[in-house]
Amino acid sequence: MDTVNSDQLILLAIEDITDKRKIEEGLVEVEKLFEESKERLKLAIDATDLGIWDYHPLTGKLVCDNGCKKMLGLLQPVLNENPANIAIA
């Protein structure tokens, strides 16, 4: 508390967080939809016996899921090598 001319004053700080709260609620909804989408994709891939791979050109790393490894006959130790060096078993 502060005093002015011997009157006591109370200082309040008020911040409108409406927009911030809407953004946070929107992010929660987006995360929920993303998780549902990932689950649907996983179910579709599992049901169709497909595989997924991802190539990172900056690092030269190739990442394959088990379905992809199974289809291509790749061995686990080979996956961390440059794709140009990958040998099909």
PDB file of N, CA and C in Angstrom:
ATOM      1  N   MET A   1       0.829  -1.180   0.000  1.00  0.00           N
ATOM      2  CA  MET A   1       0.000   0.000   0.000  1.00  0.00           C
ATOM      3  C   MET A   1       0.873   1.244   0.000  1.00  0.00           C
ATOM      4  N   ASP A   2       0.418   2.235  -0.733  1.00  0.00           N
ATOM      5  CA  ASP A   2       1.081   3.529  -0.767  1.00  0.00           C
ATOM      6  C   ASP A   2       0.176   4.569  -0.117  1.00  0.00           C
ATOM      7  N   THR A   3       0.750   5.677   0.234  1.00  0.00           N
ATOM      8  CA  THR A   3      -0.060   6.761   0.801  1.00  0.00           C
ATOM      9  C   THR A   3       0.197   8.033   0.015  1.00  0.00           C
ATOM     10  N   VAL A   4      -0.867   8.785  -0.237  1.00  0.00           N
ATOM     11  CA  VAL A   4      -0.793  10.091  -0.883  1.00  0.00           C
ATOM     12  C   VAL A   4      -1.639  11.031  -0.042  1.00  0.00           C
ATOM     13  N   ASN A   5      -1.000  12.105   0.417  1.00  0.00           N
ATOM     14  CA  ASN A   5      -1.696  13.067   1.281  1.00  0.00           C
ATOM     15  C   ASN A   5      -2.381  12.349   2.432  1.00  0.00           C
ATOM     16  N   SER A   6      -1.696  11.404   2.995  1.00  0.00           N
ATOM     17  CA  SER A   6      -2.132  10.578   4.118  1.00  0.00           C
ATOM     18  C   SER A   6      -3.357   9.708   3.812  1.00  0.00           C
ATOM     19  N   ASP A   7      -3.728   9.597   2.517  1.00  0.00           N
ATOM     20  CA  ASP A   7      -4.766   8.636   2.108  1.00  0.00           C
ATOM     21  C   ASP A   7      -4.067   7.360   1.661  1.00  0.00           C
ATOM     22  N   GLN A   8      -4.605   6.226   2.035  1.00  0.00           N
ATOM     23  CA  GLN A   8      -4.018   4.956   1.622  1.00  0.00           C
ATOM     24  C   GLN A   8      -4.533   4.577   0.235  1.00  0.00           C
ATOM     25  N   LEU A   9      -3.590   4.154  -0.614  1.00  0.00           N
ATOM     26  CA  LEU A   9      -3.935   3.764  -1.973  1.00  0.00           C
ATOM     27  C   LEU A   9      -3.567   2.299  -2.196  1.00  0.00           C
ATOM     28  N   ILE A  10      -4.359   1.638  -2.968  1.00  0.00           N
ATOM     29  CA  ILE A  10      -4.068   0.260  -3.369  1.00  0.00           C
ATOM     30  C   ILE A  10      -3.841   0.277  -4.877  1.00  0.00           C
ATOM     31  N   LEU A  11      -2.719  -0.234  -5.295  1.00  0.00           N
ATOM     32  CA  LEU A  11      -2.394  -0.294  -6.711  1.00  0.00           C
ATOM     33  C   LEU A  11      -2.747  -1.673  -7.252  1.00  0.00           C
ATOM     34  N   LEU A  12      -3.431  -1.694  -8.376  1.00  0.00           N
ATOM     35  CA  LEU A  12      -3.818  -2.941  -9.016  1.00  0.00           C
ATOM     36  C   LEU A  12      -3.250  -2.981 -10.433  1.00  0.00           C
ATOM     37  N   ALA A  13      -2.849  -4.140 -10.843  1.00  0.00           N
ATOM     38  CA  ALA A  13      -2.425  -4.350 -12.226  1.00  0.00           C
ATOM     39  C   ALA A  13      -3.372  -5.372 -12.833  1.00  0.00           C
ATOM     40  N   ILE A  14      -3.990  -4.993 -13.913  1.00  0.00           N
ATOM     41  CA  ILE A  14      -4.962  -5.881 -14.570  1.00  0.00           C
ATOM     42  C   ILE A  14      -4.484  -6.127 -15.996  1.00  0.00           C
ATOM     43  N   GLU A  15      -4.511  -7.399 -16.389  1.00  0.00           N
ATOM     44  CA  GLU A  15      -4.088  -7.773 -17.731  1.00  0.00           C
ATOM     45  C   GLU A  15      -5.169  -8.641 -18.353  1.00  0.00           C
ATOM     46  N   ASP A  16      -5.570  -8.281 -19.556  1.00  0.00           N
ATOM     47  CA  ASP A  16      -6.574  -9.066 -20.276  1.00  0.00           C
ATOM     48  C   ASP A  16      -5.871 -10.269 -20.900  1.00  0.00           C
ATOM     49  N   ILE A  17      -6.223 -11.466 -20.457  1.00  0.00           N
ATOM     50  CA  ILE A  17      -5.592 -12.686 -20.966  1.00  0.00           C
ATOM     51  C   ILE A  17      -6.534 -13.468 -21.883  1.00  0.00           C
ATOM     52  N   THR A  18      -7.585 -12.808 -22.349  1.00  0.00           N
ATOM     53  CA  THR A  18      -8.570 -13.488 -23.191  1.00  0.00           C
ATOM     54  C   THR A  18      -7.924 -14.084 -24.439  1.00  0.00           C
ATOM     55  N   ASP A  19      -7.136 -13.264 -25.150  1.00  0.00           N
ATOM     56  CA  ASP A  19      -6.503 -13.760 -26.377  1.00  0.00           C
ATOM     57  C   ASP A  19      -5.512 -14.873 -26.080  1.00  0.00           C
ATOM     58  N   LYS A  20      -4.729 -14.701 -25.030  1.00  0.00           N
ATOM     59  CA  LYS A  20      -3.755 -15.734 -24.650  1.00  0.00           C
ATOM     60  C   LYS A  20      -4.467 -17.038 -24.323  1.00  0.00           C
ATOM     61  N   ARG A  21      -5.572 -16.943 -23.608  1.00  0.00           N
ATOM     62  CA  ARG A  21      -6.320 -18.146 -23.230  1.00  0.00           C
ATOM     63  C   ARG A  21      -6.926 -18.827 -24.453  1.00  0.00           C
ATOM     64  N   LYS A  22      -7.437 -18.038 -25.391  1.00  0.00           N
ATOM     65  CA  LYS A  22      -7.990 -18.612 -26.621  1.00  0.00           C
ATOM     66  C   LYS A  22      -6.910 -19.343 -27.404  1.00  0.00           C
ATOM     67  N   ILE A  23      -5.721 -18.760 -27.453  1.00  0.00           N
ATOM     68  CA  ILE A  23      -4.607 -19.402 -28.163  1.00  0.00           C
ATOM     69  C   ILE A  23      -4.246 -20.719 -27.489  1.00  0.00           C
ATOM     70  N   GLU A  24      -4.156 -20.715 -26.156  1.00  0.00           N
ATOM     71  CA  GLU A  24      -3.817 -21.944 -25.428  1.00  0.00           C
ATOM     72  C   GLU A  24      -4.877 -23.015 -25.636  1.00  0.00           C
ATOM     73  N   GLU A  25      -6.148 -22.630 -25.599  1.00  0.00           N
ATOM     74  CA  GLU A  25      -7.223 -23.596 -25.827  1.00  0.00           C
ATOM     75  C   GLU A  25      -7.168 -24.129 -27.256  1.00  0.00           C
ATOM     76  N   GLY A  26      -6.830 -23.257 -28.213  1.00  0.00           N
ATOM     77  CA  GLY A  26      -6.703 -23.686 -29.607  1.00  0.00           C
ATOM     78  C   GLY A  26      -5.561 -24.665 -29.786  1.00  0.00           C
ATOM     79  N   LEU A  27      -4.451 -24.419 -29.085  1.00  0.00           N
ATOM     80  CA  LEU A  27      -3.314 -25.329 -29.174  1.00  0.00           C
ATOM     81  C   LEU A  27      -3.652 -26.699 -28.611  1.00  0.00           C
ATOM     82  N   VAL A  28      -4.409 -26.726 -27.528  1.00  0.00           N
ATOM     83  CA  VAL A  28      -4.825 -28.005 -26.942  1.00  0.00           C
ATOM     84  C   VAL A  28      -5.674 -28.775 -27.954  1.00  0.00           C
ATOM     85  N   GLU A  29      -6.574 -28.069 -28.642  1.00  0.00           N
ATOM     86  CA  GLU A  29      -7.433 -28.713 -29.635  1.00  0.00           C
ATOM     87  C   GLU A  29      -6.608 -29.225 -30.816  1.00  0.00           C
ATOM     88  N   VAL A  30      -5.641 -28.439 -31.265  1.00  0.00           N
ATOM     89  CA  VAL A  30      -4.783 -28.852 -32.377  1.00  0.00           C
ATOM     90  C   VAL A  30      -3.971 -30.081 -31.986  1.00  0.00           C
ATOM     91  N   GLU A  31      -3.429 -30.095 -30.772  1.00  0.00           N
ATOM     92  CA  GLU A  31      -2.663 -31.257 -30.311  1.00  0.00           C
ATOM     93  C   GLU A  31      -3.538 -32.501 -30.256  1.00  0.00           C
ATOM     94  N   LYS A  32      -4.780 -32.343 -29.815  1.00  0.00           N
ATOM     95  CA  LYS A  32      -5.716 -33.475 -29.754  1.00  0.00           C
ATOM     96  C   LYS A  32      -5.990 -34.013 -31.166  1.00  0.00           C
ATOM     97  N   LEU A  33      -6.260 -33.113 -32.104  1.00  0.00           N
ATOM     98  CA  LEU A  33      -6.522 -33.532 -33.481  1.00  0.00           C
ATOM     99  C   LEU A  33      -5.290 -34.189 -34.106  1.00  0.00           C
ATOM    100  N   PHE A  34      -4.110 -33.672 -33.794  1.00  0.00           N
ATOM    101  CA  PHE A  34      -2.871 -34.249 -34.312  1.00  0.00           C
ATOM    102  C   PHE A  34      -2.679 -35.665 -33.790  1.00  0.00           C
ATOM    103  N   GLU A  35      -2.904 -35.883 -32.511  1.00  0.00           N
ATOM    104  CA  GLU A  35      -2.761 -37.221 -31.934  1.00  0.00           C
ATOM    105  C   GLU A  35      -3.763 -38.189 -32.557  1.00  0.00           C
ATOM    106  N   GLU A  36      -4.999 -37.724 -32.770  1.00  0.00           N
ATOM    107  CA  GLU A  36      -6.007 -38.577 -33.408  1.00  0.00           C
ATOM    108  C   GLU A  36      -5.586 -38.927 -34.837  1.00  0.00           C
ATOM    109  N   SER A  37      -5.025 -37.969 -35.544  1.00  0.00           N
ATOM    110  CA  SER A  37      -4.575 -38.195 -36.912  1.00  0.00           C
ATOM    111  C   SER A  37      -3.419 -39.194 -36.945  1.00  0.00           C
ATOM    112  N   LYS A  38      -2.482 -39.056 -36.010  1.00  0.00           N
ATOM    113  CA  LYS A  38      -1.368 -40.003 -35.938  1.00  0.00           C
ATOM    114  C   LYS A  38      -1.877 -41.417 -35.661  1.00  0.00           C
ATOM    115  N   GLU A  39      -2.852 -41.541 -34.785  1.00  0.00           N
ATOM    116  CA  GLU A  39      -3.397 -42.863 -34.455  1.00  0.00           C
ATOM    117  C   GLU A  39      -4.086 -43.478 -35.672  1.00  0.00           C
ATOM    118  N   ARG A  40      -4.857 -42.662 -36.423  1.00  0.00           N
ATOM    119  CA  ARG A  40      -5.514 -43.171 -37.636  1.00  0.00           C
ATOM    120  C   ARG A  40      -4.481 -43.619 -38.667  1.00  0.00           C
ATOM    121  N   LEU A  41      -3.417 -42.839 -38.825  1.00  0.00           N
ATOM    122  CA  LEU A  41      -2.367 -43.214 -39.767  1.00  0.00           C
ATOM    123  C   LEU A  41      -1.709 -44.520 -39.347  1.00  0.00           C
ATOM    124  N   LYS A  42      -1.413 -44.655 -38.069  1.00  0.00           N
ATOM    125  CA  LYS A  42      -0.791 -45.890 -37.572  1.00  0.00           C
ATOM    126  C   LYS A  42      -1.698 -47.085 -37.824  1.00  0.00           C
ATOM    127  N   LEU A  43      -2.987 -46.944 -37.555  1.00  0.00           N
ATOM    128  CA  LEU A  43      -3.931 -48.039 -37.796  1.00  0.00           C
ATOM    129  C   LEU A  43      -3.982 -48.401 -39.277  1.00  0.00           C
ATOM    130  N   ALA A  44      -3.988 -47.401 -40.148  1.00  0.00           N
ATOM    131  CA  ALA A  44      -4.039 -47.661 -41.590  1.00  0.00           C
ATOM    132  C   ALA A  44      -2.776 -48.365 -42.059  1.00  0.00           C
ATOM    133  N   ILE A  45      -1.626 -47.928 -41.563  1.00  0.00           N
ATOM    134  CA  ILE A  45      -0.355 -48.549 -41.964  1.00  0.00           C
ATOM    135  C   ILE A  45      -0.285 -49.985 -41.465  1.00  0.00           C
ATOM    136  N   ASP A  46      -0.681 -50.200 -40.215  1.00  0.00           N
ATOM    137  CA  ASP A  46      -0.669 -51.553 -39.663  1.00  0.00           C
ATOM    138  C   ASP A  46      -1.642 -52.469 -40.400  1.00  0.00           C
ATOM    139  N   ALA A  47      -2.821 -51.951 -40.732  1.00  0.00           N
ATOM    140  CA  ALA A  47      -3.844 -52.773 -41.389  1.00  0.00           C
ATOM    141  C   ALA A  47      -3.448 -53.153 -42.812  1.00  0.00           C
ATOM    142  N   THR A  48      -2.687 -52.293 -43.472  1.00  0.00           N
ATOM    143  CA  THR A  48      -2.321 -52.556 -44.864  1.00  0.00           C
ATOM    144  C   THR A  48      -0.917 -53.143 -44.994  1.00  0.00           C
ATOM    145  N   ASP A  49      -0.254 -53.349 -43.868  1.00  0.00           N
ATOM    146  CA  ASP A  49       1.094 -53.928 -43.844  1.00  0.00           C
ATOM    147  C   ASP A  49       2.078 -53.103 -44.678  1.00  0.00           C
ATOM    148  N   LEU A  50       1.962 -51.781 -44.564  1.00  0.00           N
ATOM    149  CA  LEU A  50       2.870 -50.871 -45.258  1.00  0.00           C
ATOM    150  C   LEU A  50       4.006 -50.456 -44.336  1.00  0.00           C
ATOM    151  N   GLY A  51       4.947 -49.720 -44.887  1.00  0.00           N
ATOM    152  CA  GLY A  51       6.052 -49.201 -44.100  1.00  0.00           C
ATOM    153  C   GLY A  51       6.254 -47.723 -44.369  1.00  0.00           C
ATOM    154  N   ILE A  52       6.944 -47.060 -43.460  1.00  0.00           N
ATOM    155  CA  ILE A  52       7.217 -45.631 -43.599  1.00  0.00           C
ATOM    156  C   ILE A  52       8.715 -45.417 -43.489  1.00  0.00           C
ATOM    157  N   TRP A  53       9.221 -44.524 -44.315  1.00  0.00           N
ATOM    158  CA  TRP A  53      10.622 -44.149 -44.215  1.00  0.00           C
ATOM    159  C   TRP A  53      10.718 -42.637 -44.256  1.00  0.00           C
ATOM    160  N   ASP A  54      11.806 -42.118 -43.712  1.00  0.00           N
ATOM    161  CA  ASP A  54      12.048 -40.683 -43.690  1.00  0.00           C
ATOM    162  C   ASP A  54      13.536 -40.463 -43.918  1.00  0.00           C
ATOM    163  N   TYR A  55      13.866 -39.643 -44.902  1.00  0.00           N
ATOM    164  CA  TYR A  55      15.261 -39.348 -45.215  1.00  0.00           C
ATOM    165  C   TYR A  55      15.567 -37.909 -44.814  1.00  0.00           C
ATOM    166  N   HIS A  56      16.639 -37.713 -44.068  1.00  0.00           N
ATOM    167  CA  HIS A  56      17.073 -36.392 -43.626  1.00  0.00           C
ATOM    168  C   HIS A  56      18.284 -35.990 -44.463  1.00  0.00           C
ATOM    169  N   PRO A  57      18.095 -35.161 -45.498  1.00  0.00           N
ATOM    170  CA  PRO A  57      19.200 -34.846 -46.409  1.00  0.00           C
ATOM    171  C   PRO A  57      20.371 -34.113 -45.752  1.00  0.00           C
ATOM    172  N   LEU A  58      20.106 -33.310 -44.728  1.00  0.00           N
ATOM    173  CA  LEU A  58      21.205 -32.581 -44.091  1.00  0.00           C
ATOM    174  C   LEU A  58      22.147 -33.507 -43.324  1.00  0.00           C
ATOM    175  N   THR A  59      21.591 -34.562 -42.752  1.00  0.00           N
ATOM    176  CA  THR A  59      22.425 -35.495 -41.979  1.00  0.00           C
ATOM    177  C   THR A  59      22.740 -36.761 -42.762  1.00  0.00           C
ATOM    178  N   GLY A  60      21.998 -36.990 -43.845  1.00  0.00           N
ATOM    179  CA  GLY A  60      22.193 -38.210 -44.614  1.00  0.00           C
ATOM    180  C   GLY A  60      21.627 -39.432 -43.920  1.00  0.00           C
ATOM    181  N   LYS A  61      20.763 -39.224 -42.926  1.00  0.00           N
ATOM    182  CA  LYS A  61      20.224 -40.341 -42.150  1.00  0.00           C
ATOM    183  C   LYS A  61      18.890 -40.802 -42.741  1.00  0.00           C
ATOM    184  N   LEU A  62      18.746 -42.102 -42.845  1.00  0.00           N
ATOM    185  CA  LEU A  62      17.516 -42.730 -43.312  1.00  0.00           C
ATOM    186  C   LEU A  62      16.883 -43.455 -42.132  1.00  0.00           C
ATOM    187  N   VAL A  63      15.634 -43.141 -41.865  1.00  0.00           N
ATOM    188  CA  VAL A  63      14.911 -43.771 -40.757  1.00  0.00           C
ATOM    189  C   VAL A  63      13.750 -44.567 -41.341  1.00  0.00           C
ATOM    190  N   CYS A  64      13.694 -45.839 -41.006  1.00  0.00           N
ATOM    191  CA  CYS A  64      12.621 -46.712 -41.485  1.00  0.00           C
ATOM    192  C   CYS A  64      11.900 -47.335 -40.306  1.00  0.00           C
ATOM    193  N   ASP A  65      10.577 -47.503 -40.454  1.00  0.00           N
ATOM    194  CA  ASP A  65       9.868 -48.248 -39.422  1.00  0.00           C
ATOM    195  C   ASP A  65      10.015 -49.737 -39.714  1.00  0.00           C
ATOM    196  N   ASN A  66       9.489 -50.574 -38.837  1.00  0.00           N
ATOM    197  CA  ASN A  66       9.648 -52.024 -38.992  1.00  0.00           C
ATOM    198  C   ASN A  66       9.023 -52.549 -40.273  1.00  0.00           C
ATOM    199  N   GLY A  67       7.895 -51.971 -40.683  1.00  0.00           N
ATOM    200  CA  GLY A  67       7.249 -52.411 -41.918  1.00  0.00           C
ATOM    201  C   GLY A  67       8.135 -52.151 -43.129  1.00  0.00           C
ATOM    202  N   CYS A  68       8.757 -51.001 -43.158  1.00  0.00           N
ATOM    203  CA  CYS A  68       9.657 -50.656 -44.264  1.00  0.00           C
ATOM    204  C   CYS A  68      10.871 -51.576 -44.256  1.00  0.00           C
ATOM    205  N   LYS A  69      11.455 -51.788 -43.092  1.00  0.00           N
ATOM    206  CA  LYS A  69      12.621 -52.672 -42.985  1.00  0.00           C
ATOM    207  C   LYS A  69      12.263 -54.070 -43.483  1.00  0.00           C
ATOM    208  N   LYS A  70      11.083 -54.534 -43.112  1.00  0.00           N
ATOM    209  CA  LYS A  70      10.646 -55.878 -43.503  1.00  0.00           C
ATOM    210  C   LYS A  70      10.500 -55.970 -45.023  1.00  0.00           C
ATOM    211  N   MET A  71       9.871 -54.955 -45.633  1.00  0.00           N
ATOM    212  CA  MET A  71       9.656 -54.986 -47.077  1.00  0.00           C
ATOM    213  C   MET A  71      10.958 -54.906 -47.862  1.00  0.00           C
ATOM    214  N   LEU A  72      11.901 -54.106 -47.389  1.00  0.00           N
ATOM    215  CA  LEU A  72      13.140 -53.884 -48.124  1.00  0.00           C
ATOM    216  C   LEU A  72      14.261 -54.841 -47.737  1.00  0.00           C
ATOM    217  N   GLY A  73      14.066 -55.579 -46.668  1.00  0.00           N
ATOM    218  CA  GLY A  73      15.091 -56.506 -46.222  1.00  0.00           C
ATOM    219  C   GLY A  73      16.316 -55.809 -45.661  1.00  0.00           C
ATOM    220  N   LEU A  74      16.137 -54.605 -45.154  1.00  0.00           N
ATOM    221  CA  LEU A  74      17.268 -53.856 -44.589  1.00  0.00           C
ATOM    222  C   LEU A  74      17.591 -54.363 -43.196  1.00  0.00           C
ATOM    223  N   LEU A  75      18.871 -54.382 -42.889  1.00  0.00           N
ATOM    224  CA  LEU A  75      19.314 -54.773 -41.555  1.00  0.00           C
ATOM    225  C   LEU A  75      19.500 -53.521 -40.715  1.00  0.00           C
ATOM    226  N   GLN A  76      19.186 -53.590 -39.432  1.00  0.00           N
ATOM    227  CA  GLN A  76      19.254 -52.439 -38.527  1.00  0.00           C
ATOM    228  C   GLN A  76      20.597 -51.706 -38.565  1.00  0.00           C
ATOM    229  N   PRO A  77      21.761 -52.377 -38.519  1.00  0.00           N
ATOM    230  CA  PRO A  77      23.017 -51.631 -38.496  1.00  0.00           C
ATOM    231  C   PRO A  77      23.255 -50.781 -39.739  1.00  0.00           C
ATOM    232  N   VAL A  78      22.647 -51.141 -40.846  1.00  0.00           N
ATOM    233  CA  VAL A  78      22.865 -50.435 -42.102  1.00  0.00           C
ATOM    234  C   VAL A  78      22.118 -49.108 -42.132  1.00  0.00           C
ATOM    235  N   LEU A  79      21.054 -48.952 -41.349  1.00  0.00           N
ATOM    236  CA  LEU A  79      20.179 -47.791 -41.448  1.00  0.00           C
ATOM    237  C   LEU A  79      20.839 -46.486 -41.045  1.00  0.00           C
ATOM    238  N   ASN A  80      21.887 -46.493 -40.292  1.00  0.00           N
ATOM    239  CA  ASN A  80      22.523 -45.257 -39.868  1.00  0.00           C
ATOM    240  C   ASN A  80      23.567 -44.772 -40.870  1.00  0.00           C
ATOM    241  N   GLU A  81      23.748 -45.485 -41.950  1.00  0.00           N
ATOM    242  CA  GLU A  81      24.721 -45.101 -42.959  1.00  0.00           C
ATOM    243  C   GLU A  81      24.083 -44.177 -43.982  1.00  0.00           C
ATOM    244  N   ASN A  82      24.904 -43.591 -44.813  1.00  0.00           N
ATOM    245  CA  ASN A  82      24.454 -42.761 -45.904  1.00  0.00           C
ATOM    246  C   ASN A  82      23.612 -43.631 -46.846  1.00  0.00           C
ATOM    247  N   PRO A  83      22.461 -43.132 -47.324  1.00  0.00           N
ATOM    248  CA  PRO A  83      21.600 -43.949 -48.196  1.00  0.00           C
ATOM    249  C   PRO A  83      22.318 -44.489 -49.426  1.00  0.00           C
ATOM    250  N   ALA A  84      23.325 -43.778 -49.908  1.00  0.00           N
ATOM    251  CA  ALA A  84      24.051 -44.276 -51.090  1.00  0.00           C
ATOM    252  C   ALA A  84      24.813 -45.546 -50.756  1.00  0.00           C
ATOM    253  N   ASN A  85      25.079 -45.781 -49.470  1.00  0.00           N
ATOM    254  CA  ASN A  85      25.846 -46.947 -49.055  1.00  0.00           C
ATOM    255  C   ASN A  85      24.959 -48.095 -48.569  1.00  0.00           C
ATOM    256  N   ILE A  86      23.658 -47.902 -48.574  1.00  0.00           N
ATOM    257  CA  ILE A  86      22.763 -48.934 -48.044  1.00  0.00           C
ATOM    258  C   ILE A  86      22.717 -50.109 -49.001  1.00  0.00           C
ATOM    259  N   ALA A  87      22.886 -51.278 -48.474  1.00  0.00           N
ATOM    260  CA  ALA A  87      22.833 -52.485 -49.281  1.00  0.00           C
ATOM    261  C   ALA A  87      21.553 -53.238 -48.980  1.00  0.00           C
ATOM    262  N   ILE A  88      20.917 -53.727 -50.010  1.00  0.00           N
ATOM    263  CA  ILE A  88      19.712 -54.543 -49.836  1.00  0.00           C
ATOM    264  C   ILE A  88      20.166 -55.975 -49.616  1.00  0.00           C
ATOM    265  N   ALA A  89      19.678 -56.588 -48.544  1.00  0.00           N
ATOM    266  CA  ALA A  89      20.094 -57.965 -48.213  1.00  0.00           C
ATOM    267  C   ALA A  89      19.435 -58.961 -49.114  1.00  0.00           C
TER     268      ALA A  89
END
